[in-house]
Amino acid sequence: MSSHSMSSSSWEALERRVNELIELTAVLSKENRALRAQQHNWTAERAKLIEKNELAKSRVEGMITRLKSLEQD
């Protein structure tokens, strides 16, 4: 047997390692999809909160303007 040939146990070990990496890739892909979905949800929620904040800010500014106009009367 030459130094370049691999033994049966080496091939089996390599095959096991490749299979482990395939499984890990599947797990990480699933996790990645879940994280991307979660990121999408957080982004959507953030946009809604920003919109609510802007609406509240606008209302408060309107109230301040009305109060100032009442002070001047």
C-alpha atoms as a PDB file:
ATOM      1  CA  MET A   1       0.000   0.000   0.000  1.00  0.00           C
ATOM      2  CA  SER A   2       1.476   3.376  -0.963  1.00  0.00           C
ATOM      3  CA  SER A   3       1.522   6.398   1.328  1.00  0.00           C
ATOM      4  CA  HIS A   4      -1.066   8.100  -0.916  1.00  0.00           C
ATOM      5  CA  SER A   5      -3.787   5.494  -0.465  1.00  0.00           C
ATOM      6  CA  MET A   6      -6.187   5.720   2.445  1.00  0.00           C
ATOM      7  CA  SER A   7      -7.196   2.806   4.620  1.00  0.00           C
ATOM      8  CA  SER A   8     -10.794   1.688   4.876  1.00  0.00           C
ATOM      9  CA  SER A   9     -11.095   3.176   8.366  1.00  0.00           C
ATOM     10  CA  SER A  10      -9.758   6.515   7.111  1.00  0.00           C
ATOM     11  CA  TRP A  11     -12.386   6.556   4.351  1.00  0.00           C
ATOM     12  CA  GLU A  12     -15.079   5.673   6.883  1.00  0.00           C
ATOM     13  CA  ALA A  13     -13.910   8.434   9.212  1.00  0.00           C
ATOM     14  CA  LEU A  14     -13.919  10.884   6.318  1.00  0.00           C
ATOM     15  CA  GLU A  15     -17.402   9.749   5.277  1.00  0.00           C
ATOM     16  CA  ARG A  16     -18.681  10.194   8.851  1.00  0.00           C
ATOM     17  CA  ARG A  17     -17.174  13.664   9.005  1.00  0.00           C
ATOM     18  CA  VAL A  18     -18.703  14.637   5.659  1.00  0.00           C
ATOM     19  CA  ASN A  19     -22.099  13.353   6.845  1.00  0.00           C
ATOM     20  CA  GLU A  20     -21.742  15.353  10.080  1.00  0.00           C
ATOM     21  CA  LEU A  21     -20.967  18.471   8.052  1.00  0.00           C
ATOM     22  CA  ILE A  22     -23.978  17.849   5.806  1.00  0.00           C
ATOM     23  CA  GLU A  23     -26.204  17.557   8.884  1.00  0.00           C
ATOM     24  CA  LEU A  24     -24.671  20.672  10.405  1.00  0.00           C
ATOM     25  CA  THR A  25     -25.264  22.572   7.168  1.00  0.00           C
ATOM     26  CA  ALA A  26     -28.930  21.566   7.253  1.00  0.00           C
ATOM     27  CA  VAL A  27     -29.261  22.659  10.894  1.00  0.00           C
ATOM     28  CA  LEU A  28     -27.543  25.981  10.238  1.00  0.00           C
ATOM     29  CA  SER A  29     -29.661  26.606   7.135  1.00  0.00           C
ATOM     30  CA  LYS A  30     -32.837  26.019   9.137  1.00  0.00           C
ATOM     31  CA  GLU A  31     -31.580  28.291  11.921  1.00  0.00           C
ATOM     32  CA  ASN A  32     -30.622  30.941   9.381  1.00  0.00           C
ATOM     33  CA  ARG A  33     -34.125  30.877   7.855  1.00  0.00           C
ATOM     34  CA  ALA A  34     -35.664  31.219  11.324  1.00  0.00           C
ATOM     35  CA  LEU A  35     -33.385  34.137  12.183  1.00  0.00           C
ATOM     36  CA  ARG A  36     -34.167  35.877   8.896  1.00  0.00           C
ATOM     37  CA  ALA A  37     -37.896  35.475   9.556  1.00  0.00           C
ATOM     38  CA  GLN A  38     -37.427  36.837  13.075  1.00  0.00           C
ATOM     39  CA  GLN A  39     -35.426  39.771  11.698  1.00  0.00           C
ATOM     40  CA  HIS A  40     -38.216  40.485   9.216  1.00  0.00           C
ATOM     41  CA  ASN A  41     -40.766  40.479  12.055  1.00  0.00           C
ATOM     42  CA  TRP A  42     -38.636  42.793  14.216  1.00  0.00           C
ATOM     43  CA  THR A  43     -38.158  45.156  11.275  1.00  0.00           C
ATOM     44  CA  ALA A  44     -41.910  45.253  10.637  1.00  0.00           C
ATOM     45  CA  GLU A  45     -42.617  45.831  14.331  1.00  0.00           C
ATOM     46  CA  ARG A  46     -40.014  48.607  14.456  1.00  0.00           C
ATOM     47  CA  ALA A  47     -41.641  50.320  11.467  1.00  0.00           C
ATOM     48  CA  LYS A  48     -45.045  50.180  13.183  1.00  0.00           C
ATOM     49  CA  LEU A  49     -43.589  51.609  16.397  1.00  0.00           C
ATOM     50  CA  ILE A  50     -41.888  54.426  14.499  1.00  0.00           C
ATOM     51  CA  GLU A  51     -45.196  55.221  12.792  1.00  0.00           C
ATOM     52  CA  LYS A  52     -47.045  55.241  16.142  1.00  0.00           C
ATOM     53  CA  ASN A  53     -44.330  57.430  17.635  1.00  0.00           C
ATOM     54  CA  GLU A  54     -44.596  59.918  14.773  1.00  0.00           C
ATOM     55  CA  LEU A  55     -48.383  60.027  15.170  1.00  0.00           C
ATOM     56  CA  ALA A  56     -48.078  60.617  18.927  1.00  0.00           C
ATOM     57  CA  LYS A  57     -45.447  63.307  18.324  1.00  0.00           C
ATOM     58  CA  SER A  58     -47.725  65.017  15.823  1.00  0.00           C
ATOM     59  CA  ARG A  59     -50.653  64.926  18.252  1.00  0.00           C
ATOM     60  CA  VAL A  60     -48.564  66.312  21.101  1.00  0.00           C
ATOM     61  CA  GLU A  61     -47.237  69.093  18.869  1.00  0.00           C
ATOM     62  CA  GLY A  62     -50.842  69.892  17.892  1.00  0.00           C
ATOM     63  CA  MET A  63     -51.874  70.046  21.543  1.00  0.00           C
ATOM     64  CA  ILE A  64     -48.942  72.324  22.358  1.00  0.00           C
ATOM     65  CA  THR A  65     -49.886  74.617  19.485  1.00  0.00           C
ATOM     66  CA  ARG A  66     -53.509  74.759  20.690  1.00  0.00           C
ATOM     67  CA  LEU A  67     -52.401  75.436  24.275  1.00  0.00           C
ATOM     68  CA  LYS A  68     -50.114  78.244  23.126  1.00  0.00           C
ATOM     69  CA  SER A  69     -52.955  79.773  21.115  1.00  0.00           C
ATOM     70  CA  LEU A  70     -55.211  79.609  24.219  1.00  0.00           C
ATOM     71  CA  GLU A  71     -52.491  81.344  26.271  1.00  0.00           C
ATOM     72  CA  GLN A  72     -52.414  84.201  23.782  1.00  0.00           C
ATOM     73  CA  ASP A  73     -56.179  84.770  23.944  1.00  0.00           C
END
